All heavy atoms as atom14 arrays in JSON, in Angstrom:
{
  "sequence": "RVSYTCGECEYFYEHPAGVPQVAAILNRPGTPRSLGVLQFGGEYI",
  "atom14_mask": [
    [1, 1, 1, 1, 1, 1, 1, 1, 1, 1, 1, 0, 0, 0],
    [1, 1, 1, 1, 1, 1, 1, 0, 0, 0, 0, 0, 0, 0],
    [1, 1, 1, 1, 1, 1, 0, 0, 0, 0, 0, 0, 0, 0],
    [1, 1, 1, 1, 1, 1, 1, 1, 1, 1, 1, 1, 0, 0],
    [1, 1, 1, 1, 1, 1, 1, 0, 0, 0, 0, 0, 0, 0],
    [1, 1, 1, 1, 1, 1, 0, 0, 0, 0, 0, 0, 0, 0],
    [1, 1, 1, 1, 0, 0, 0, 0, 0, 0, 0, 0, 0, 0],
    [1, 1, 1, 1, 1, 1, 1, 1, 1, 0, 0, 0, 0, 0],
    [1, 1, 1, 1, 1, 1, 0, 0, 0, 0, 0, 0, 0, 0],
    [1, 1, 1, 1, 1, 1, 1, 1, 1, 0, 0, 0, 0, 0],
    [1, 1, 1, 1, 1, 1, 1, 1, 1, 1, 1, 1, 0, 0],
    [1, 1, 1, 1, 1, 1, 1, 1, 1, 1, 1, 0, 0, 0],
    [1, 1, 1, 1, 1, 1, 1, 1, 1, 1, 1, 1, 0, 0],
    [1, 1, 1, 1, 1, 1, 1, 1, 1, 0, 0, 0, 0, 0],
    [1, 1, 1, 1, 1, 1, 1, 1, 1, 1, 0, 0, 0, 0],
    [1, 1, 1, 1, 1, 1, 1, 0, 0, 0, 0, 0, 0, 0],
    [1, 1, 1, 1, 1, 0, 0, 0, 0, 0, 0, 0, 0, 0],
    [1, 1, 1, 1, 0, 0, 0, 0, 0, 0, 0, 0, 0, 0],
    [1, 1, 1, 1, 1, 1, 1, 0, 0, 0, 0, 0, 0, 0],
    [1, 1, 1, 1, 1, 1, 1, 0, 0, 0, 0, 0, 0, 0],
    [1, 1, 1, 1, 1, 1, 1, 1, 1, 0, 0, 0, 0, 0],
    [1, 1, 1, 1, 1, 1, 1, 0, 0, 0, 0, 0, 0, 0],
    [1, 1, 1, 1, 1, 0, 0, 0, 0, 0, 0, 0, 0, 0],
    [1, 1, 1, 1, 1, 0, 0, 0, 0, 0, 0, 0, 0, 0],
    [1, 1, 1, 1, 1, 1, 1, 1, 0, 0, 0, 0, 0, 0],
    [1, 1, 1, 1, 1, 1, 1, 1, 0, 0, 0, 0, 0, 0],
    [1, 1, 1, 1, 1, 1, 1, 1, 0, 0, 0, 0, 0, 0],
    [1, 1, 1, 1, 1, 1, 1, 1, 1, 1, 1, 0, 0, 0],
    [1, 1, 1, 1, 1, 1, 1, 0, 0, 0, 0, 0, 0, 0],
    [1, 1, 1, 1, 0, 0, 0, 0, 0, 0, 0, 0, 0, 0],
    [1, 1, 1, 1, 1, 1, 1, 0, 0, 0, 0, 0, 0, 0],
    [1, 1, 1, 1, 1, 1, 1, 0, 0, 0, 0, 0, 0, 0],
    [1, 1, 1, 1, 1, 1, 1, 1, 1, 1, 1, 0, 0, 0],
    [1, 1, 1, 1, 1, 1, 0, 0, 0, 0, 0, 0, 0, 0],
    [1, 1, 1, 1, 1, 1, 1, 1, 0, 0, 0, 0, 0, 0],
    [1, 1, 1, 1, 0, 0, 0, 0, 0, 0, 0, 0, 0, 0],
    [1, 1, 1, 1, 1, 1, 1, 0, 0, 0, 0, 0, 0, 0],
    [1, 1, 1, 1, 1, 1, 1, 1, 0, 0, 0, 0, 0, 0],
    [1, 1, 1, 1, 1, 1, 1, 1, 1, 0, 0, 0, 0, 0],
    [1, 1, 1, 1, 1, 1, 1, 1, 1, 1, 1, 0, 0, 0],
    [1, 1, 1, 1, 0, 0, 0, 0, 0, 0, 0, 0, 0, 0],
    [1, 1, 1, 1, 0, 0, 0, 0, 0, 0, 0, 0, 0, 0],
    [1, 1, 1, 1, 1, 1, 1, 1, 1, 0, 0, 0, 0, 0],
    [1, 1, 1, 1, 1, 1, 1, 1, 1, 1, 1, 1, 0, 0],
    [1, 1, 1, 1, 1, 1, 1, 1, 0, 0, 0, 0, 0, 0]
  ],
  "atom14_positions": [
    [[-43.52, -22.97, -67.54], [-44.85, -22.36, -67.42], [-44.6, -20.9, -67.09], [-43.95, -20.58, -66.1], [-45.68, -23.01, -66.34], [-47.02, -22.3, -66.13], [-48.05, -23.14, -65.42], [-48.43, -24.31, -66.17], [-49.25, -24.32, -67.23], [-49.75, -23.21, -67.68], [-49.54, -25.44, -67.84], [0.0, 0.0, 0.0], [0.0, 0.0, 0.0], [0.0, 0.0, 0.0]],
    [[-45.1, -20.01, -67.92], [-44.86, -18.59, -67.75], [-46.19, -17.87, -67.51], [-47.2, -18.21, -68.11], [-44.11, -17.99, -68.97], [-44.93, -18.12, -70.23], [-43.73, -16.55, -68.75], [0.0, 0.0, 0.0], [0.0, 0.0, 0.0], [0.0, 0.0, 0.0], [0.0, 0.0, 0.0], [0.0, 0.0, 0.0], [0.0, 0.0, 0.0], [0.0, 0.0, 0.0]],
    [[-46.17, -16.93, -66.58], [-47.33, -16.05, -66.32], [-46.9, -14.64, -66.66], [-45.81, -14.21, -66.26], [-47.74, -16.11, -64.85], [-48.06, -17.42, -64.48], [0.0, 0.0, 0.0], [0.0, 0.0, 0.0], [0.0, 0.0, 0.0], [0.0, 0.0, 0.0], [0.0, 0.0, 0.0], [0.0, 0.0, 0.0], [0.0, 0.0, 0.0], [0.0, 0.0, 0.0]],
    [[-47.74, -13.93, -67.39], [-47.38, -12.57, -67.76], [-48.62, -11.7, -67.93], [-49.72, -12.2, -68.09], [-46.52, -12.55, -69.04], [-47.13, -13.21, -70.24], [-47.8, -12.45, -71.21], [-47.03, -14.57, -70.45], [-48.35, -13.04, -72.33], [-47.57, -15.17, -71.57], [-48.23, -14.41, -72.51], [-48.78, -15.01, -73.61], [0.0, 0.0, 0.0], [0.0, 0.0, 0.0]],
    [[-48.4, -10.41, -67.87], [-49.46, -9.42, -67.99], [-49.09, -8.45, -69.11], [-47.92, -8.12, -69.28], [-49.62, -8.63, -66.68], [-49.84, -9.56, -65.62], [-50.76, -7.65, -66.74], [0.0, 0.0, 0.0], [0.0, 0.0, 0.0], [0.0, 0.0, 0.0], [0.0, 0.0, 0.0], [0.0, 0.0, 0.0], [0.0, 0.0, 0.0], [0.0, 0.0, 0.0]],
    [[-50.08, -7.98, -69.82], [-49.85, -6.93, -70.8], [-49.95, -5.6, -70.05], [-50.97, -5.31, -69.42], [-50.88, -6.98, -71.92], [-50.7, -5.61, -73.09], [0.0, 0.0, 0.0], [0.0, 0.0, 0.0], [0.0, 0.0, 0.0], [0.0, 0.0, 0.0], [0.0, 0.0, 0.0], [0.0, 0.0, 0.0], [0.0, 0.0, 0.0], [0.0, 0.0, 0.0]],
    [[-48.88, -4.83, -70.07], [-48.85, -3.55, -69.38], [-49.76, -2.51, -70.0], [-50.09, -1.5, -69.36], [0.0, 0.0, 0.0], [0.0, 0.0, 0.0], [0.0, 0.0, 0.0], [0.0, 0.0, 0.0], [0.0, 0.0, 0.0], [0.0, 0.0, 0.0], [0.0, 0.0, 0.0], [0.0, 0.0, 0.0], [0.0, 0.0, 0.0], [0.0, 0.0, 0.0]],
    [[-50.2, -2.72, -71.22], [-51.06, -1.76, -71.92], [-52.53, -1.99, -71.59], [-53.23, -1.08, -71.2], [-50.82, -1.87, -73.43], [-51.55, -0.85, -74.25], [-51.0, 0.56, -74.09], [-49.91, 0.75, -73.52], [-51.69, 1.48, -74.54], [0.0, 0.0, 0.0], [0.0, 0.0, 0.0], [0.0, 0.0, 0.0], [0.0, 0.0, 0.0], [0.0, 0.0, 0.0]],
    [[-53.0, -3.23, -71.76], [-54.44, -3.49, -71.56], [-54.72, -4.29, -70.28], [-55.86, -4.53, -69.94], [-55.01, -4.24, -72.75], [-54.35, -5.9, -72.97], [0.0, 0.0, 0.0], [0.0, 0.0, 0.0], [0.0, 0.0, 0.0], [0.0, 0.0, 0.0], [0.0, 0.0, 0.0], [0.0, 0.0, 0.0], [0.0, 0.0, 0.0], [0.0, 0.0, 0.0]],
    [[-53.67, -4.73, -69.58], [-53.74, -5.43, -68.3], [-54.36, -6.82, -68.38], [-54.82, -7.35, -67.39], [-54.46, -4.57, -67.26], [-53.75, -3.27, -66.99], [-54.39, -2.43, -65.9], [-55.37, -2.88, -65.29], [-53.89, -1.33, -65.68], [0.0, 0.0, 0.0], [0.0, 0.0, 0.0], [0.0, 0.0, 0.0], [0.0, 0.0, 0.0], [0.0, 0.0, 0.0]],
    [[-54.36, -7.44, -69.57], [-54.78, -8.83, -69.69], [-53.69, -9.71, -69.07], [-52.52, -9.4, -69.15], [-54.99, -9.21, -71.15], [-56.39, -8.95, -71.66], [-56.98, -7.71, -71.54], [-57.11, -9.96, -72.27], [-58.25, -7.48, -72.0], [-58.39, -9.73, -72.75], [-58.96, -8.49, -72.6], [-60.22, -8.26, -73.07], [0.0, 0.0, 0.0], [0.0, 0.0, 0.0]],
    [[-54.11, -10.83, -68.47], [-53.19, -11.77, -67.83], [-53.21, -13.07, -68.6], [-54.26, -13.53, -69.05], [-53.63, -12.01, -66.37], [-52.8, -13.04, -65.67], [-51.56, -12.71, -65.14], [-53.24, -14.35, -65.54], [-50.79, -13.66, -64.49], [-52.48, -15.3, -64.89], [-51.25, -14.95, -64.37], [0.0, 0.0, 0.0], [0.0, 0.0, 0.0], [0.0, 0.0, 0.0]],
    [[-52.04, -13.7, -68.73], [-51.9, -14.97, -69.45], [-51.01, -15.91, -68.66], [-50.12, -15.48, -67.93], [-51.25, -14.75, -70.83], [-51.99, -13.78, -71.7], [-51.7, -12.42, -71.66], [-52.99, -14.22, -72.56], [-52.39, -11.52, -72.45], [-53.68, -13.33, -73.37], [-53.37, -11.98, -73.31], [-54.05, -11.1, -74.11], [0.0, 0.0, 0.0], [0.0, 0.0, 0.0]],
    [[-51.26, -17.21, -68.82], [-50.4, -18.23, -68.23], [-50.45, -19.46, -69.12], [-51.56, -19.94, -69.43], [-50.85, -18.59, -66.81], [-49.97, -19.66, -66.19], [-50.39, -20.0, -64.79], [-51.3, -20.85, -64.64], [-49.83, -19.42, -63.86], [0.0, 0.0, 0.0], [0.0, 0.0, 0.0], [0.0, 0.0, 0.0], [0.0, 0.0, 0.0], [0.0, 0.0, 0.0]],
    [[-49.28, -19.95, -69.55], [-49.23, -21.12, -70.41], [-47.78, -21.59, -70.55], [-46.85, -20.87, -70.18], [-49.83, -20.82, -71.78], [-49.17, -19.68, -72.49], [-47.96, -19.77, -73.13], [-49.56, -18.39, -72.63], [-47.64, -18.61, -73.67], [-48.6, -17.74, -73.37], [0.0, 0.0, 0.0], [0.0, 0.0, 0.0], [0.0, 0.0, 0.0], [0.0, 0.0, 0.0]],
    [[-47.58, -22.79, -71.12], [-46.21, -23.26, -71.39], [-45.59, -22.43, -72.52], [-46.29, -22.02, -73.45], [-46.4, -24.71, -71.84], [-47.76, -25.09, -71.39], [-48.57, -23.83, -71.37], [0.0, 0.0, 0.0], [0.0, 0.0, 0.0], [0.0, 0.0, 0.0], [0.0, 0.0, 0.0], [0.0, 0.0, 0.0], [0.0, 0.0, 0.0], [0.0, 0.0, 0.0]],
    [[-44.3, -22.18, -72.4], [-43.58, -21.44, -73.44], [-42.14, -21.92, -73.48], [-41.62, -22.45, -72.49], [-43.62, -19.95, -73.15], [0.0, 0.0, 0.0], [0.0, 0.0, 0.0], [0.0, 0.0, 0.0], [0.0, 0.0, 0.0], [0.0, 0.0, 0.0], [0.0, 0.0, 0.0], [0.0, 0.0, 0.0], [0.0, 0.0, 0.0], [0.0, 0.0, 0.0]],
    [[-41.51, -21.72, -74.6], [-40.11, -22.08, -74.75], [-39.21, -21.12, -73.99], [-39.49, -19.92, -73.92], [0.0, 0.0, 0.0], [0.0, 0.0, 0.0], [0.0, 0.0, 0.0], [0.0, 0.0, 0.0], [0.0, 0.0, 0.0], [0.0, 0.0, 0.0], [0.0, 0.0, 0.0], [0.0, 0.0, 0.0], [0.0, 0.0, 0.0], [0.0, 0.0, 0.0]],
    [[-38.14, -21.64, -73.4], [-37.2, -20.8, -72.66], [-36.66, -19.67, -73.53], [-36.6, -18.53, -73.06], [-36.06, -21.67, -72.06], [-34.96, -20.81, -71.49], [-36.62, -22.62, -71.01], [0.0, 0.0, 0.0], [0.0, 0.0, 0.0], [0.0, 0.0, 0.0], [0.0, 0.0, 0.0], [0.0, 0.0, 0.0], [0.0, 0.0, 0.0], [0.0, 0.0, 0.0]],
    [[-36.3, -19.91, -74.8], [-35.81, -18.8, -75.62], [-36.84, -17.68, -75.81], [-36.5, -16.51, -75.87], [-35.48, -19.46, -76.96], [-35.24, -20.89, -76.63], [-36.16, -21.19, -75.5], [0.0, 0.0, 0.0], [0.0, 0.0, 0.0], [0.0, 0.0, 0.0], [0.0, 0.0, 0.0], [0.0, 0.0, 0.0], [0.0, 0.0, 0.0], [0.0, 0.0, 0.0]],
    [[-38.13, -18.05, -75.86], [-39.19, -17.05, -76.01], [-39.26, -16.15, -74.78], [-39.38, -14.93, -74.89], [-40.55, -17.72, -76.2], [-40.66, -18.55, -77.44], [-41.9, -19.43, -77.4], [-42.45, -19.72, -76.34], [-42.34, -19.83, -78.57], [0.0, 0.0, 0.0], [0.0, 0.0, 0.0], [0.0, 0.0, 0.0], [0.0, 0.0, 0.0], [0.0, 0.0, 0.0]],
    [[-39.21, -16.76, -73.61], [-39.29, -16.0, -72.36], [-38.04, -15.13, -72.21], [-38.14, -13.95, -71.85], [-39.44, -16.94, -71.14], [-39.47, -16.16, -69.85], [-40.71, -17.79, -71.29], [0.0, 0.0, 0.0], [0.0, 0.0, 0.0], [0.0, 0.0, 0.0], [0.0, 0.0, 0.0], [0.0, 0.0, 0.0], [0.0, 0.0, 0.0], [0.0, 0.0, 0.0]],
    [[-36.89, -15.68, -72.52], [-35.64, -14.92, -72.42], [-35.66, -13.72, -73.36], [-35.17, -12.64, -73.01], [-34.45, -15.82, -72.73], [0.0, 0.0, 0.0], [0.0, 0.0, 0.0], [0.0, 0.0, 0.0], [0.0, 0.0, 0.0], [0.0, 0.0, 0.0], [0.0, 0.0, 0.0], [0.0, 0.0, 0.0], [0.0, 0.0, 0.0], [0.0, 0.0, 0.0]],
    [[-36.24, -13.87, -74.55], [-36.3, -12.76, -75.5], [-37.11, -11.6, -74.92], [-36.76, -10.44, -75.1], [-36.91, -13.24, -76.82], [0.0, 0.0, 0.0], [0.0, 0.0, 0.0], [0.0, 0.0, 0.0], [0.0, 0.0, 0.0], [0.0, 0.0, 0.0], [0.0, 0.0, 0.0], [0.0, 0.0, 0.0], [0.0, 0.0, 0.0], [0.0, 0.0, 0.0]],
    [[-38.19, -11.9, -74.2], [-39.0, -10.84, -73.59], [-38.24, -10.21, -72.42], [-38.17, -8.99, -72.3], [-40.36, -11.4, -73.09], [-41.18, -11.95, -74.26], [-41.14, -10.35, -72.31], [-41.64, -10.95, -75.28], [0.0, 0.0, 0.0], [0.0, 0.0, 0.0], [0.0, 0.0, 0.0], [0.0, 0.0, 0.0], [0.0, 0.0, 0.0], [0.0, 0.0, 0.0]],
    [[-37.63, -11.04, -71.57], [-36.94, -10.52, -70.39], [-35.69, -9.72, -70.76], [-35.33, -8.77, -70.05], [-36.53, -11.66, -69.46], [-37.66, -12.33, -68.7], [-37.14, -13.55, -67.95], [-38.33, -11.36, -67.75], [0.0, 0.0, 0.0], [0.0, 0.0, 0.0], [0.0, 0.0, 0.0], [0.0, 0.0, 0.0], [0.0, 0.0, 0.0], [0.0, 0.0, 0.0]],
    [[-35.02, -10.09, -71.84], [-33.78, -9.42, -72.23], [-33.97, -8.26, -73.19], [-33.0, -7.66, -73.62], [-32.81, -10.44, -72.85], [-32.32, -11.42, -71.82], [-32.12, -11.07, -70.67], [-32.13, -12.65, -72.24], [0.0, 0.0, 0.0], [0.0, 0.0, 0.0], [0.0, 0.0, 0.0], [0.0, 0.0, 0.0], [0.0, 0.0, 0.0], [0.0, 0.0, 0.0]],
    [[-35.2, -7.96, -73.51], [-35.48, -6.86, -74.44], [-35.06, -5.53, -73.83], [-35.36, -5.27, -72.66], [-36.97, -6.85, -74.75], [-37.39, -5.82, -75.75], [-38.87, -5.86, -76.0], [-39.19, -7.12, -76.66], [-40.4, -7.67, -76.65], [-41.38, -7.09, -76.0], [-40.63, -8.78, -77.26], [0.0, 0.0, 0.0], [0.0, 0.0, 0.0], [0.0, 0.0, 0.0]],
    [[-34.34, -4.69, -74.59], [-33.97, -3.37, -74.06], [-35.22, -2.58, -73.66], [-36.22, -2.59, -74.37], [-33.26, -2.69, -75.23], [-32.81, -3.8, -76.12], [-33.83, -4.9, -75.95], [0.0, 0.0, 0.0], [0.0, 0.0, 0.0], [0.0, 0.0, 0.0], [0.0, 0.0, 0.0], [0.0, 0.0, 0.0], [0.0, 0.0, 0.0], [0.0, 0.0, 0.0]],
    [[-35.14, -1.93, -72.51], [-36.25, -1.12, -72.03], [-37.34, -1.9, -71.33], [-38.37, -1.35, -70.99], [0.0, 0.0, 0.0], [0.0, 0.0, 0.0], [0.0, 0.0, 0.0], [0.0, 0.0, 0.0], [0.0, 0.0, 0.0], [0.0, 0.0, 0.0], [0.0, 0.0, 0.0], [0.0, 0.0, 0.0], [0.0, 0.0, 0.0], [0.0, 0.0, 0.0]],
    [[-37.13, -3.2, -71.09], [-38.12, -3.99, -70.38], [-38.24, -3.49, -68.95], [-37.24, -3.37, -68.25], [-37.74, -5.49, -70.36], [-37.69, -5.96, -71.7], [-38.75, -6.31, -69.58], [0.0, 0.0, 0.0], [0.0, 0.0, 0.0], [0.0, 0.0, 0.0], [0.0, 0.0, 0.0], [0.0, 0.0, 0.0], [0.0, 0.0, 0.0], [0.0, 0.0, 0.0]],
    [[-39.45, -3.14, -68.5], [-39.61, -2.63, -67.14], [-39.32, -3.71, -66.11], [-40.02, -4.7, -66.04], [-41.07, -2.18, -67.08], [-41.75, -2.91, -68.18], [-40.72, -3.23, -69.21], [0.0, 0.0, 0.0], [0.0, 0.0, 0.0], [0.0, 0.0, 0.0], [0.0, 0.0, 0.0], [0.0, 0.0, 0.0], [0.0, 0.0, 0.0], [0.0, 0.0, 0.0]],
    [[-38.28, -3.56, -65.34], [-37.92, -4.54, -64.31], [-38.38, -4.09, -62.92], [-38.49, -4.89, -62.03], [-36.41, -4.74, -64.29], [-35.86, -5.3, -65.58], [-34.49, -5.87, -65.37], [-33.73, -6.13, -66.55], [-34.05, -6.94, -67.54], [-35.19, -7.54, -67.53], [-33.25, -7.14, -68.56], [0.0, 0.0, 0.0], [0.0, 0.0, 0.0], [0.0, 0.0, 0.0]],
    [[-38.62, -2.81, -62.74], [-38.95, -2.31, -61.41], [-40.45, -2.26, -61.17], [-40.88, -1.75, -60.16], [-38.36, -0.91, -61.22], [-38.91, -0.04, -62.18], [0.0, 0.0, 0.0], [0.0, 0.0, 0.0], [0.0, 0.0, 0.0], [0.0, 0.0, 0.0], [0.0, 0.0, 0.0], [0.0, 0.0, 0.0], [0.0, 0.0, 0.0], [0.0, 0.0, 0.0]],
    [[-41.26, -2.78, -62.11], [-42.71, -2.73, -61.93], [-43.2, -3.74, -60.91], [-44.3, -3.62, -60.41], [-43.41, -2.98, -63.27], [-43.28, -1.86, -64.28], [-43.99, -2.25, -65.56], [-43.85, -0.58, -63.74], [0.0, 0.0, 0.0], [0.0, 0.0, 0.0], [0.0, 0.0, 0.0], [0.0, 0.0, 0.0], [0.0, 0.0, 0.0], [0.0, 0.0, 0.0]],
    [[-42.42, -4.76, -60.62], [-42.9, -5.75, -59.7], [-41.83, -6.75, -59.33], [-40.64, -6.51, -59.49], [0.0, 0.0, 0.0], [0.0, 0.0, 0.0], [0.0, 0.0, 0.0], [0.0, 0.0, 0.0], [0.0, 0.0, 0.0], [0.0, 0.0, 0.0], [0.0, 0.0, 0.0], [0.0, 0.0, 0.0], [0.0, 0.0, 0.0], [0.0, 0.0, 0.0]],
    [[-42.29, -7.89, -58.87], [-41.41, -8.96, -58.44], [-41.62, -10.13, -59.37], [-42.75, -10.52, -59.65], [-41.74, -9.36, -56.98], [-40.93, -10.55, -56.56], [-41.52, -8.18, -56.06], [0.0, 0.0, 0.0], [0.0, 0.0, 0.0], [0.0, 0.0, 0.0], [0.0, 0.0, 0.0], [0.0, 0.0, 0.0], [0.0, 0.0, 0.0], [0.0, 0.0, 0.0]],
    [[-40.54, -10.7, -59.86], [-40.6, -11.87, -60.71], [-40.4, -13.1, -59.84], [-39.44, -13.17, -59.07], [-39.5, -11.81, -61.78], [-39.3, -13.08, -62.62], [-40.54, -13.34, -63.48], [-38.06, -12.95, -63.49], [0.0, 0.0, 0.0], [0.0, 0.0, 0.0], [0.0, 0.0, 0.0], [0.0, 0.0, 0.0], [0.0, 0.0, 0.0], [0.0, 0.0, 0.0]],
    [[-41.34, -14.04, -59.92], [-41.18, -15.3, -59.21], [-40.57, -16.29, -60.18], [-41.13, -16.56, -61.25], [-42.52, -15.82, -58.71], [-42.38, -17.12, -57.97], [-43.72, -17.72, -57.6], [-44.76, -17.17, -57.89], [-43.67, -18.86, -56.97], [0.0, 0.0, 0.0], [0.0, 0.0, 0.0], [0.0, 0.0, 0.0], [0.0, 0.0, 0.0], [0.0, 0.0, 0.0]],
    [[-39.4, -16.8, -59.85], [-38.69, -17.74, -60.7], [-38.41, -18.97, -59.88], [-37.52, -18.96, -59.04], [-37.4, -17.12, -61.24], [-36.68, -17.98, -62.22], [-37.17, -18.15, -63.5], [-35.52, -18.65, -61.86], [-36.51, -18.95, -64.42], [-34.85, -19.45, -62.78], [-35.35, -19.6, -64.06], [0.0, 0.0, 0.0], [0.0, 0.0, 0.0], [0.0, 0.0, 0.0]],
    [[-39.2, -20.03, -60.09], [-39.09, -21.21, -59.25], [-39.43, -20.85, -57.82], [-40.44, -20.24, -57.55], [0.0, 0.0, 0.0], [0.0, 0.0, 0.0], [0.0, 0.0, 0.0], [0.0, 0.0, 0.0], [0.0, 0.0, 0.0], [0.0, 0.0, 0.0], [0.0, 0.0, 0.0], [0.0, 0.0, 0.0], [0.0, 0.0, 0.0], [0.0, 0.0, 0.0]],
    [[-38.55, -21.14, -56.88], [-38.78, -20.8, -55.48], [-38.21, -19.45, -55.09], [-38.28, -19.07, -53.93], [0.0, 0.0, 0.0], [0.0, 0.0, 0.0], [0.0, 0.0, 0.0], [0.0, 0.0, 0.0], [0.0, 0.0, 0.0], [0.0, 0.0, 0.0], [0.0, 0.0, 0.0], [0.0, 0.0, 0.0], [0.0, 0.0, 0.0], [0.0, 0.0, 0.0]],
    [[-37.65, -18.72, -56.04], [-37.02, -17.42, -55.75], [-37.93, -16.27, -56.16], [-38.72, -16.39, -57.09], [-35.7, -17.28, -56.52], [-34.66, -18.3, -56.16], [-34.07, -18.09, -54.78], [-34.03, -16.94, -54.31], [-33.65, -19.08, -54.17], [0.0, 0.0, 0.0], [0.0, 0.0, 0.0], [0.0, 0.0, 0.0], [0.0, 0.0, 0.0], [0.0, 0.0, 0.0]],
    [[-37.8, -15.16, -55.45], [-38.47, -13.92, -55.81], [-37.38, -12.93, -56.2], [-36.41, -12.75, -55.46], [-39.29, -13.39, -54.64], [-40.47, -14.26, -54.33], [-40.35, -15.37, -53.5], [-41.71, -14.0, -54.91], [-41.44, -16.18, -53.22], [-42.8, -14.81, -54.63], [-42.66, -15.89, -53.79], [-43.73, -16.7, -53.52], [0.0, 0.0, 0.0], [0.0, 0.0, 0.0]],
    [[-37.52, -12.32, -57.38], [-36.48, -11.46, -57.91], [-37.02, -10.04, -58.08], [-38.07, -9.83, -58.68], [-35.96, -12.0, -59.25], [-35.4, -13.41, -59.04], [-34.93, -11.07, -59.86], [-35.04, -14.14, -60.31], [0.0, 0.0, 0.0], [0.0, 0.0, 0.0], [0.0, 0.0, 0.0], [0.0, 0.0, 0.0], [0.0, 0.0, 0.0], [0.0, 0.0, 0.0]]
  ]
}
């Protein structure tokens, strides 16, 4: 279950997604990592 926000229009989404799909977004060059905190299971990153 992934929750995400569009940084352009600020819409929020939450739904089931495939692990490869989520990894593709997270591993994209230039992905903003310092904009916030990622909650992954019981961890905050």
